[in-house]
Amino acid sequence: MAVKTAPAPLKPISDFLLVAMDPPPEDGVIILAGGAKRDNVPQTGVVIAQGPGLTLPSGQVAAMPCQPGDRVVLQLNAGTEIKLEGREYRVVPARDLFGVKP
């Protein structure tokens, strides 16, 4: 089910998505000494805006796998962090998504 979102502060191009990341879970978290971290832990967020899709060599535009308001699961630290209008987002290529949550 899509989440209602406010107007996007950026219109992505190509197959990029503007994602508002969910805060990391804090229940049951164990803090590891020495800066150790868990790799490959997926993250979730809500798609705020999307580009039109990747242009294929044939000239066709590939359909995007999600739409604004969808909650998505993506690779840890996928994309690039940006700050727009005082909020933090990630600009993520569609290929870095694992899926869309129902």
PDB file of N, CA and C in Angstrom:
ATOM      1  N   MET A   1       0.839  -1.164   0.000  1.00  0.00           N
ATOM      2  CA  MET A   1       0.000   0.000   0.000  1.00  0.00           C
ATOM      3  C   MET A   1       0.893   1.239   0.000  1.00  0.00           C
ATOM      4  N   ALA A   2       0.599   2.181  -0.866  1.00  0.00           N
ATOM      5  CA  ALA A   2       1.393   3.393  -0.981  1.00  0.00           C
ATOM      6  C   ALA A   2       1.111   4.323   0.197  1.00  0.00           C
ATOM      7  N   VAL A   3       2.146   5.039   0.616  1.00  0.00           N
ATOM      8  CA  VAL A   3       2.047   6.011   1.690  1.00  0.00           C
ATOM      9  C   VAL A   3       1.877   7.380   1.055  1.00  0.00           C
ATOM     10  N   LYS A   4       0.971   8.205   1.561  1.00  0.00           N
ATOM     11  CA  LYS A   4       0.763   9.543   1.004  1.00  0.00           C
ATOM     12  C   LYS A   4       1.987  10.400   1.308  1.00  0.00           C
ATOM     13  N   THR A   5       2.499  11.081   0.284  1.00  0.00           N
ATOM     14  CA  THR A   5       3.696  11.899   0.454  1.00  0.00           C
ATOM     15  C   THR A   5       3.424  13.339   0.040  1.00  0.00           C
ATOM     16  N   ALA A   6       4.236  14.262   0.555  1.00  0.00           N
ATOM     17  CA  ALA A   6       4.160  15.675   0.192  1.00  0.00           C
ATOM     18  C   ALA A   6       4.823  15.875  -1.170  1.00  0.00           C
ATOM     19  N   PRO A   7       4.626  17.044  -1.783  1.00  0.00           N
ATOM     20  CA  PRO A   7       5.292  17.303  -3.061  1.00  0.00           C
ATOM     21  C   PRO A   7       6.808  17.125  -2.938  1.00  0.00           C
ATOM     22  N   ALA A   8       7.410  16.569  -3.969  1.00  0.00           N
ATOM     23  CA  ALA A   8       8.842  16.258  -3.948  1.00  0.00           C
ATOM     24  C   ALA A   8       9.687  17.519  -4.109  1.00  0.00           C
ATOM     25  N   PRO A   9      10.789  17.627  -3.342  1.00  0.00           N
ATOM     26  CA  PRO A   9      11.686  18.766  -3.475  1.00  0.00           C
ATOM     27  C   PRO A   9      12.687  18.601  -4.629  1.00  0.00           C
ATOM     28  N   LEU A  10      12.622  17.477  -5.345  1.00  0.00           N
ATOM     29  CA  LEU A  10      13.549  17.198  -6.442  1.00  0.00           C
ATOM     30  C   LEU A  10      12.871  16.250  -7.414  1.00  0.00           C
ATOM     31  N   LYS A  11      13.058  16.474  -8.715  1.00  0.00           N
ATOM     32  CA  LYS A  11      12.524  15.554  -9.725  1.00  0.00           C
ATOM     33  C   LYS A  11      13.702  14.758 -10.277  1.00  0.00           C
ATOM     34  N   PRO A  12      13.830  13.482  -9.904  1.00  0.00           N
ATOM     35  CA  PRO A  12      14.948  12.667 -10.386  1.00  0.00           C
ATOM     36  C   PRO A  12      14.877  12.438 -11.899  1.00  0.00           C
ATOM     37  N   ILE A  13      16.030  12.132 -12.483  1.00  0.00           N
ATOM     38  CA  ILE A  13      16.111  11.796 -13.899  1.00  0.00           C
ATOM     39  C   ILE A  13      16.381  10.305 -14.050  1.00  0.00           C
ATOM     40  N   SER A  14      16.253   9.803 -15.259  1.00  0.00           N
ATOM     41  CA  SER A  14      16.567   8.421 -15.611  1.00  0.00           C
ATOM     42  C   SER A  14      15.848   7.450 -14.673  1.00  0.00           C
ATOM     43  N   ASP A  15      16.591   6.474 -14.108  1.00  0.00           N
ATOM     44  CA  ASP A  15      15.959   5.479 -13.231  1.00  0.00           C
ATOM     45  C   ASP A  15      16.260   5.741 -11.759  1.00  0.00           C
ATOM     46  N   PHE A  16      16.475   7.008 -11.406  1.00  0.00           N
ATOM     47  CA  PHE A  16      16.774   7.346 -10.017  1.00  0.00           C
ATOM     48  C   PHE A  16      15.499   7.598  -9.224  1.00  0.00           C
ATOM     49  N   LEU A  17      15.586   7.297  -7.925  1.00  0.00           N
ATOM     50  CA  LEU A  17      14.481   7.482  -6.986  1.00  0.00           C
ATOM     51  C   LEU A  17      14.933   8.413  -5.871  1.00  0.00           C
ATOM     52  N   LEU A  18      14.050   9.260  -5.396  1.00  0.00           N
ATOM     53  CA  LEU A  18      14.294  10.063  -4.209  1.00  0.00           C
ATOM     54  C   LEU A  18      13.587   9.345  -3.070  1.00  0.00           C
ATOM     55  N   VAL A  19      14.354   8.874  -2.074  1.00  0.00           N
ATOM     56  CA  VAL A  19      13.810   8.040  -0.998  1.00  0.00           C
ATOM     57  C   VAL A  19      14.045   8.707   0.355  1.00  0.00           C
ATOM     58  N   ALA A  20      12.981   8.815   1.145  1.00  0.00           N
ATOM     59  CA  ALA A  20      13.083   9.246   2.539  1.00  0.00           C
ATOM     60  C   ALA A  20      13.312   7.979   3.354  1.00  0.00           C
ATOM     61  N   MET A  21      14.488   7.849   3.944  1.00  0.00           N
ATOM     62  CA  MET A  21      14.860   6.631   4.652  1.00  0.00           C
ATOM     63  C   MET A  21      14.169   6.550   6.007  1.00  0.00           C
ATOM     64  N   ASP A  22      13.783   5.335   6.383  1.00  0.00           N
ATOM     65  CA  ASP A  22      13.243   5.084   7.713  1.00  0.00           C
ATOM     66  C   ASP A  22      14.388   5.129   8.712  1.00  0.00           C
ATOM     67  N   PRO A  23      14.126   5.571   9.942  1.00  0.00           N
ATOM     68  CA  PRO A  23      15.190   5.533  10.949  1.00  0.00           C
ATOM     69  C   PRO A  23      15.564   4.088  11.255  1.00  0.00           C
ATOM     70  N   PRO A  24      16.823   3.841  11.613  1.00  0.00           N
ATOM     71  CA  PRO A  24      17.220   2.468  11.931  1.00  0.00           C
ATOM     72  C   PRO A  24      16.490   1.971  13.174  1.00  0.00           C
ATOM     73  N   PRO A  25      16.166   0.683  13.225  1.00  0.00           N
ATOM     74  CA  PRO A  25      15.487   0.147  14.411  1.00  0.00           C
ATOM     75  C   PRO A  25      16.403   0.221  15.628  1.00  0.00           C
ATOM     76  N   GLU A  26      15.804   0.512  16.784  1.00  0.00           N
ATOM     77  CA  GLU A  26      16.615   0.609  18.000  1.00  0.00           C
ATOM     78  C   GLU A  26      16.301  -0.494  18.993  1.00  0.00           C
ATOM     79  N   ASP A  27      15.167  -1.158  18.844  1.00  0.00           N
ATOM     80  CA  ASP A  27      14.824  -2.250  19.754  1.00  0.00           C
ATOM     81  C   ASP A  27      15.697  -3.452  19.455  1.00  0.00           C
ATOM     82  N   GLY A  28      16.330  -3.986  20.464  1.00  0.00           N
ATOM     83  CA  GLY A  28      17.124  -5.196  20.300  1.00  0.00           C
ATOM     84  C   GLY A  28      18.459  -4.983  19.617  1.00  0.00           C
ATOM     85  N   VAL A  29      18.903  -3.733  19.494  1.00  0.00           N
ATOM     86  CA  VAL A  29      20.177  -3.453  18.837  1.00  0.00           C
ATOM     87  C   VAL A  29      21.314  -3.691  19.823  1.00  0.00           C
ATOM     88  N   ILE A  30      22.349  -4.356  19.354  1.00  0.00           N
ATOM     89  CA  ILE A  30      23.549  -4.566  20.160  1.00  0.00           C
ATOM     90  C   ILE A  30      24.638  -3.670  19.599  1.00  0.00           C
ATOM     91  N   ILE A  31      25.247  -2.865  20.447  1.00  0.00           N
ATOM     92  CA  ILE A  31      26.319  -1.979  20.005  1.00  0.00           C
ATOM     93  C   ILE A  31      27.623  -2.759  20.053  1.00  0.00           C
ATOM     94  N   LEU A  32      28.294  -2.825  18.906  1.00  0.00           N
ATOM     95  CA  LEU A  32      29.543  -3.569  18.796  1.00  0.00           C
ATOM     96  C   LEU A  32      30.731  -2.649  19.036  1.00  0.00           C
ATOM     97  N   ALA A  33      31.720  -3.133  19.768  1.00  0.00           N
ATOM     98  CA  ALA A  33      32.914  -2.349  20.072  1.00  0.00           C
ATOM     99  C   ALA A  33      33.816  -2.231  18.856  1.00  0.00           C
ATOM    100  N   GLY A  34      34.639  -1.199  18.858  1.00  0.00           N
ATOM    101  CA  GLY A  34      35.654  -1.069  17.818  1.00  0.00           C
ATOM    102  C   GLY A  34      35.105  -0.702  16.456  1.00  0.00           C
ATOM    103  N   GLY A  35      33.922  -0.133  16.397  1.00  0.00           N
ATOM    104  CA  GLY A  35      33.370   0.283  15.114  1.00  0.00           C
ATOM    105  C   GLY A  35      32.942  -0.862  14.223  1.00  0.00           C
ATOM    106  N   ALA A  36      32.803  -2.064  14.783  1.00  0.00           N
ATOM    107  CA  ALA A  36      32.356  -3.203  13.979  1.00  0.00           C
ATOM    108  C   ALA A  36      30.955  -2.930  13.464  1.00  0.00           C
ATOM    109  N   LYS A  37      30.636  -3.485  12.323  1.00  0.00           N
ATOM    110  CA  LYS A  37      29.312  -3.287  11.759  1.00  0.00           C
ATOM    111  C   LYS A  37      28.840  -4.543  11.065  1.00  0.00           C
ATOM    112  N   ARG A  38      27.537  -4.598  10.859  1.00  0.00           N
ATOM    113  CA  ARG A  38      26.962  -5.702  10.094  1.00  0.00           C
ATOM    114  C   ARG A  38      26.840  -5.247   8.655  1.00  0.00           C
ATOM    115  N   ASP A  39      27.357  -6.041   7.742  1.00  0.00           N
ATOM    116  CA  ASP A  39      27.265  -5.708   6.327  1.00  0.00           C
ATOM    117  C   ASP A  39      26.006  -6.303   5.728  1.00  0.00           C
ATOM    118  N   ASN A  40      25.569  -5.714   4.655  1.00  0.00           N
ATOM    119  CA  ASN A  40      24.456  -6.220   3.858  1.00  0.00           C
ATOM    120  C   ASN A  40      23.130  -6.302   4.609  1.00  0.00           C
ATOM    121  N   VAL A  41      22.907  -5.392   5.549  1.00  0.00           N
ATOM    122  CA  VAL A  41      21.626  -5.320   6.238  1.00  0.00           C
ATOM    123  C   VAL A  41      20.743  -4.373   5.428  1.00  0.00           C
ATOM    124  N   PRO A  42      19.636  -4.866   4.862  1.00  0.00           N
ATOM    125  CA  PRO A  42      18.810  -3.982   4.042  1.00  0.00           C
ATOM    126  C   PRO A  42      18.178  -2.865   4.853  1.00  0.00           C
ATOM    127  N   GLN A  43      17.880  -1.766   4.173  1.00  0.00           N
ATOM    128  CA  GLN A  43      17.223  -0.627   4.788  1.00  0.00           C
ATOM    129  C   GLN A  43      15.885  -0.408   4.097  1.00  0.00           C
ATOM    130  N   THR A  44      15.003   0.348   4.755  1.00  0.00           N
ATOM    131  CA  THR A  44      13.702   0.648   4.166  1.00  0.00           C
ATOM    132  C   THR A  44      13.493   2.152   4.108  1.00  0.00           C
ATOM    133  N   GLY A  45      12.609   2.552   3.231  1.00  0.00           N
ATOM    134  CA  GLY A  45      12.271   3.958   3.094  1.00  0.00           C
ATOM    135  C   GLY A  45      11.046   4.108   2.217  1.00  0.00           C
ATOM    136  N   VAL A  46      10.611   5.349   2.051  1.00  0.00           N
ATOM    137  CA  VAL A  46       9.442   5.660   1.232  1.00  0.00           C
ATOM    138  C   VAL A  46       9.894   6.449   0.011  1.00  0.00           C
ATOM    139  N   VAL A  47       9.427   6.023  -1.161  1.00  0.00           N
ATOM    140  CA  VAL A  47       9.751   6.724  -2.402  1.00  0.00           C
ATOM    141  C   VAL A  47       8.985   8.044  -2.418  1.00  0.00           C
ATOM    142  N   ILE A  48       9.722   9.144  -2.565  1.00  0.00           N
ATOM    143  CA  ILE A  48       9.128  10.474  -2.617  1.00  0.00           C
ATOM    144  C   ILE A  48       8.901  10.896  -4.067  1.00  0.00           C
ATOM    145  N   ALA A  49       9.871  10.574  -4.932  1.00  0.00           N
ATOM    146  CA  ALA A  49       9.769  10.912  -6.357  1.00  0.00           C
ATOM    147  C   ALA A  49      10.593   9.916  -7.148  1.00  0.00           C
ATOM    148  N   GLN A  50      10.301   9.821  -8.441  1.00  0.00           N
ATOM    149  CA  GLN A  50      11.044   8.904  -9.306  1.00  0.00           C
ATOM    150  C   GLN A  50      11.260   9.540 -10.664  1.00  0.00           C
ATOM    151  N   GLY A  51      12.328   9.102 -11.328  1.00  0.00           N
ATOM    152  CA  GLY A  51      12.565   9.520 -12.698  1.00  0.00           C
ATOM    153  C   GLY A  51      11.648   8.758 -13.637  1.00  0.00           C
ATOM    154  N   PRO A  52      11.711   9.064 -14.939  1.00  0.00           N
ATOM    155  CA  PRO A  52      10.831   8.414 -15.906  1.00  0.00           C
ATOM    156  C   PRO A  52      11.201   6.966 -16.201  1.00  0.00           C
ATOM    157  N   GLY A  53      12.429   6.576 -15.912  1.00  0.00           N
ATOM    158  CA  GLY A  53      12.892   5.218 -16.208  1.00  0.00           C
ATOM    159  C   GLY A  53      14.158   5.264 -17.040  1.00  0.00           C
ATOM    160  N   LEU A  54      14.851   4.157 -17.088  1.00  0.00           N
ATOM    161  CA  LEU A  54      16.108   4.053 -17.826  1.00  0.00           C
ATOM    162  C   LEU A  54      15.817   3.927 -19.318  1.00  0.00           C
ATOM    163  N   THR A  55      16.510   4.733 -20.130  1.00  0.00           N
ATOM    164  CA  THR A  55      16.355   4.632 -21.578  1.00  0.00           C
ATOM    165  C   THR A  55      17.224   3.491 -22.084  1.00  0.00           C
ATOM    166  N   LEU A  56      16.604   2.544 -22.750  1.00  0.00           N
ATOM    167  CA  LEU A  56      17.291   1.363 -23.273  1.00  0.00           C
ATOM    168  C   LEU A  56      17.949   1.686 -24.614  1.00  0.00           C
ATOM    169  N   PRO A  57      18.920   0.860 -25.057  1.00  0.00           N
ATOM    170  CA  PRO A  57      19.566   1.100 -26.354  1.00  0.00           C
ATOM    171  C   PRO A  57      18.573   1.190 -27.514  1.00  0.00           C
ATOM    172  N   SER A  58      17.427   0.530 -27.391  1.00  0.00           N
ATOM    173  CA  SER A  58      16.406   0.561 -28.443  1.00  0.00           C
ATOM    174  C   SER A  58      15.650   1.890 -28.479  1.00  0.00           C
ATOM    175  N   GLY A  59      15.861   2.722 -27.443  1.00  0.00           N
ATOM    176  CA  GLY A  59      15.145   3.987 -27.351  1.00  0.00           C
ATOM    177  C   GLY A  59      13.915   3.917 -26.466  1.00  0.00           C
ATOM    178  N   GLN A  60      13.490   2.704 -26.118  1.00  0.00           N
ATOM    179  CA  GLN A  60      12.348   2.551 -25.219  1.00  0.00           C
ATOM    180  C   GLN A  60      12.772   2.903 -23.798  1.00  0.00           C
ATOM    181  N   VAL A  61      11.809   3.299 -22.998  1.00  0.00           N
ATOM    182  CA  VAL A  61      12.067   3.623 -21.595  1.00  0.00           C
ATOM    183  C   VAL A  61      11.535   2.478 -20.742  1.00  0.00           C
ATOM    184  N   ALA A  62      12.421   1.893 -19.927  1.00  0.00           N
ATOM    185  CA  ALA A  62      12.031   0.787 -19.045  1.00  0.00           C
ATOM    186  C   ALA A  62      11.115   1.309 -17.941  1.00  0.00           C
ATOM    187  N   ALA A  63      10.095   0.548 -17.629  1.00  0.00           N
ATOM    188  CA  ALA A  63       9.155   0.921 -16.566  1.00  0.00           C
ATOM    189  C   ALA A  63       9.858   0.915 -15.212  1.00  0.00           C
ATOM    190  N   MET A  64       9.465   1.825 -14.354  1.00  0.00           N
ATOM    191  CA  MET A  64      10.023   1.880 -13.005  1.00  0.00           C
ATOM    192  C   MET A  64       9.343   0.817 -12.138  1.00  0.00           C
ATOM    193  N   PRO A  65      10.085   0.226 -11.179  1.00  0.00           N
ATOM    194  CA  PRO A  65       9.540  -0.860 -10.365  1.00  0.00           C
ATOM    195  C   PRO A  65       8.639  -0.403  -9.220  1.00  0.00           C
ATOM    196  N   CYS A  66       8.530   0.906  -9.024  1.00  0.00           N
ATOM    197  CA  CYS A  66       7.737   1.415  -7.909  1.00  0.00           C
ATOM    198  C   CYS A  66       7.216   2.799  -8.272  1.00  0.00           C
ATOM    199  N   GLN A  67       6.474   3.383  -7.348  1.00  0.00           N
ATOM    200  CA  GLN A  67       5.936   4.719  -7.572  1.00  0.00           C
ATOM    201  C   GLN A  67       6.004   5.509  -6.267  1.00  0.00           C
ATOM    202  N   PRO A  68       5.869   6.838  -6.343  1.00  0.00           N
ATOM    203  CA  PRO A  68       5.901   7.630  -5.117  1.00  0.00           C
ATOM    204  C   PRO A  68       4.869   7.123  -4.110  1.00  0.00           C
ATOM    205  N   GLY A  69       5.306   7.043  -2.856  1.00  0.00           N
ATOM    206  CA  GLY A  69       4.451   6.539  -1.783  1.00  0.00           C
ATOM    207  C   GLY A  69       4.711   5.092  -1.439  1.00  0.00           C
ATOM    208  N   ASP A  70       5.393   4.353  -2.320  1.00  0.00           N
ATOM    209  CA  ASP A  70       5.710   2.948  -2.039  1.00  0.00           C
ATOM    210  C   ASP A  70       6.816   2.845  -0.995  1.00  0.00           C
ATOM    211  N   ARG A  71       6.684   1.875  -0.107  1.00  0.00           N
ATOM    212  CA  ARG A  71       7.750   1.568   0.857  1.00  0.00           C
ATOM    213  C   ARG A  71       8.646   0.528   0.199  1.00  0.00           C
ATOM    214  N   VAL A  72       9.953   0.822   0.143  1.00  0.00           N
ATOM    215  CA  VAL A  72      10.902  -0.039  -0.557  1.00  0.00           C
ATOM    216  C   VAL A  72      11.979  -0.564   0.386  1.00  0.00           C
ATOM    217  N   VAL A  73      12.573  -1.687  -0.011  1.00  0.00           N
ATOM    218  CA  VAL A  73      13.702  -2.280   0.705  1.00  0.00           C
ATOM    219  C   VAL A  73      14.898  -2.149  -0.227  1.00  0.00           C
ATOM    220  N   LEU A  74      15.998  -1.594   0.289  1.00  0.00           N
ATOM    221  CA  LEU A  74      17.161  -1.374  -0.546  1.00  0.00           C
ATOM    222  C   LEU A  74      18.452  -1.749   0.153  1.00  0.00           C
ATOM    223  N   GLN A  75      19.507  -1.804  -0.630  1.00  0.00           N
ATOM    224  CA  GLN A  75      20.820  -2.175  -0.112  1.00  0.00           C
ATOM    225  C   GLN A  75      21.276  -1.178   0.945  1.00  0.00           C
ATOM    226  N   LEU A  76      22.076  -1.662   1.892  1.00  0.00           N
ATOM    227  CA  LEU A  76      22.653  -0.811   2.924  1.00  0.00           C
ATOM    228  C   LEU A  76      23.467   0.290   2.270  1.00  0.00           C
ATOM    229  N   ASN A  77      23.228   1.524   2.658  1.00  0.00           N
ATOM    230  CA  ASN A  77      23.957   2.688   2.152  1.00  0.00           C
ATOM    231  C   ASN A  77      23.868   2.849   0.641  1.00  0.00           C
ATOM    232  N   ALA A  78      22.783   2.388   0.041  1.00  0.00           N
ATOM    233  CA  ALA A  78      22.594   2.543  -1.406  1.00  0.00           C
ATOM    234  C   ALA A  78      22.451   4.021  -1.756  1.00  0.00           C
ATOM    235  N   GLY A  79      22.893   4.378  -2.934  1.00  0.00           N
ATOM    236  CA  GLY A  79      22.705   5.727  -3.443  1.00  0.00           C
ATOM    237  C   GLY A  79      23.553   6.772  -2.753  1.00  0.00           C
ATOM    238  N   THR A  80      23.108   8.010  -2.884  1.00  0.00           N
ATOM    239  CA  THR A  80      23.833   9.168  -2.359  1.00  0.00           C
ATOM    240  C   THR A  80      22.930   9.946  -1.417  1.00  0.00           C
ATOM    241  N   GLU A  81      23.453  10.275  -0.237  1.00  0.00           N
ATOM    242  CA  GLU A  81      22.688  11.070   0.721  1.00  0.00           C
ATOM    243  C   GLU A  81      22.691  12.526   0.282  1.00  0.00           C
ATOM    244  N   ILE A  82      21.508  13.158   0.339  1.00  0.00           N
ATOM    245  CA  ILE A  82      21.414  14.589   0.051  1.00  0.00           C
ATOM    246  C   ILE A  82      20.471  15.226   1.064  1.00  0.00           C
ATOM    247  N   LYS A  83      20.625  16.535   1.255  1.00  0.00           N
ATOM    248  CA  LYS A  83      19.757  17.268   2.163  1.00  0.00           C
ATOM    249  C   LYS A  83      19.022  18.316   1.337  1.00  0.00           C
ATOM    250  N   LEU A  84      17.700  18.282   1.385  1.00  0.00           N
ATOM    251  CA  LEU A  84      16.858  19.213   0.644  1.00  0.00           C
ATOM    252  C   LEU A  84      15.818  19.791   1.584  1.00  0.00           C
ATOM    253  N   GLU A  85      15.719  21.104   1.602  1.00  0.00           N
ATOM    254  CA  GLU A  85      14.714  21.777   2.429  1.00  0.00           C
ATOM    255  C   GLU A  85      14.755  21.300   3.878  1.00  0.00           C
ATOM    256  N   GLY A  86      15.967  21.071   4.396  1.00  0.00           N
ATOM    257  CA  GLY A  86      16.145  20.683   5.788  1.00  0.00           C
ATOM    258  C   GLY A  86      15.910  19.218   6.111  1.00  0.00           C
ATOM    259  N   ARG A  87      15.605  18.394   5.096  1.00  0.00           N
ATOM    260  CA  ARG A  87      15.380  16.958   5.322  1.00  0.00           C
ATOM    261  C   ARG A  87      16.429  16.153   4.591  1.00  0.00           C
ATOM    262  N   GLU A  88      16.738  14.972   5.139  1.00  0.00           N
ATOM    263  CA  GLU A  88      17.716  14.092   4.504  1.00  0.00           C
ATOM    264  C   GLU A  88      17.011  13.031   3.668  1.00  0.00           C
ATOM    265  N   TYR A  89      17.562  12.800   2.480  1.00  0.00           N
ATOM    266  CA  TYR A  89      17.033  11.818   1.537  1.00  0.00           C
ATOM    267  C   TYR A  89      18.197  11.020   0.966  1.00  0.00           C
ATOM    268  N   ARG A  90      17.864  10.019   0.186  1.00  0.00           N
ATOM    269  CA  ARG A  90      18.850   9.312  -0.633  1.00  0.00           C
ATOM    270  C   ARG A  90      18.355   9.308  -2.066  1.00  0.00           C
ATOM    271  N   VAL A  91      19.259   9.559  -2.995  1.00  0.00           N
ATOM    272  CA  VAL A  91      18.966   9.401  -4.413  1.00  0.00           C
ATOM    273  C   VAL A  91      19.548   8.044  -4.786  1.00  0.00           C
ATOM    274  N   VAL A  92      18.677   7.128  -5.205  1.00  0.00           N
ATOM    275  CA  VAL A  92      19.041   5.723  -5.371  1.00  0.00           C
ATOM    276  C   VAL A  92      18.673   5.248  -6.777  1.00  0.00           C
ATOM    277  N   PRO A  93      19.590   4.546  -7.469  1.00  0.00           N
ATOM    278  CA  PRO A  93      19.196   3.945  -8.748  1.00  0.00           C
ATOM    279  C   PRO A  93      18.254   2.766  -8.488  1.00  0.00           C
ATOM    280  N   ALA A  94      17.297   2.575  -9.373  1.00  0.00           N
ATOM    281  CA  ALA A  94      16.298   1.511  -9.198  1.00  0.00           C
ATOM    282  C   ALA A  94      16.946   0.137  -9.042  1.00  0.00           C
ATOM    283  N   ARG A  95      18.105  -0.077  -9.637  1.00  0.00           N
ATOM    284  CA  ARG A  95      18.762  -1.391  -9.558  1.00  0.00           C
ATOM    285  C   ARG A  95      19.217  -1.735  -8.134  1.00  0.00           C
ATOM    286  N   ASP A  96      19.287  -0.731  -7.240  1.00  0.00           N
ATOM    287  CA  ASP A  96      19.691  -0.990  -5.857  1.00  0.00           C
ATOM    288  C   ASP A  96      18.525  -1.398  -4.956  1.00  0.00           C
ATOM    289  N   LEU A  97      17.320  -1.482  -5.509  1.00  0.00           N
ATOM    290  CA  LEU A  97      16.164  -1.931  -4.724  1.00  0.00           C
ATOM    291  C   LEU A  97      16.131  -3.449  -4.668  1.00  0.00           C
ATOM    292  N   PHE A  98      15.748  -3.979  -3.501  1.00  0.00           N
ATOM    293  CA  PHE A  98      15.490  -5.414  -3.370  1.00  0.00           C
ATOM    294  C   PHE A  98      14.031  -5.708  -3.666  1.00  0.00           C
ATOM    295  N   GLY A  99      13.159  -4.745  -3.365  1.00  0.00           N
ATOM    296  CA  GLY A  99      11.746  -4.964  -3.608  1.00  0.00           C
ATOM    297  C   GLY A  99      10.884  -3.865  -3.022  1.00  0.00           C
ATOM    298  N   VAL A 100       9.583  -4.009  -3.247  1.00  0.00           N
ATOM    299  CA  VAL A 100       8.575  -3.079  -2.743  1.00  0.00           C
ATOM    300  C   VAL A 100       7.758  -3.825  -1.699  1.00  0.00           C
ATOM    301  N   LYS A 101       7.597  -3.214  -0.521  1.00  0.00           N
ATOM    302  CA  LYS A 101       6.814  -3.858   0.542  1.00  0.00           C
ATOM    303  C   LYS A 101       5.328  -3.693   0.254  1.00  0.00           C
ATOM    304  N   PRO A 102       4.554  -4.755   0.462  1.00  0.00           N
ATOM    305  CA  PRO A 102       3.097  -4.667   0.231  1.00  0.00           C
ATOM    306  C   PRO A 102       2.423  -3.805   1.287  1.00  0.00           C
TER     307      PRO A 102
END
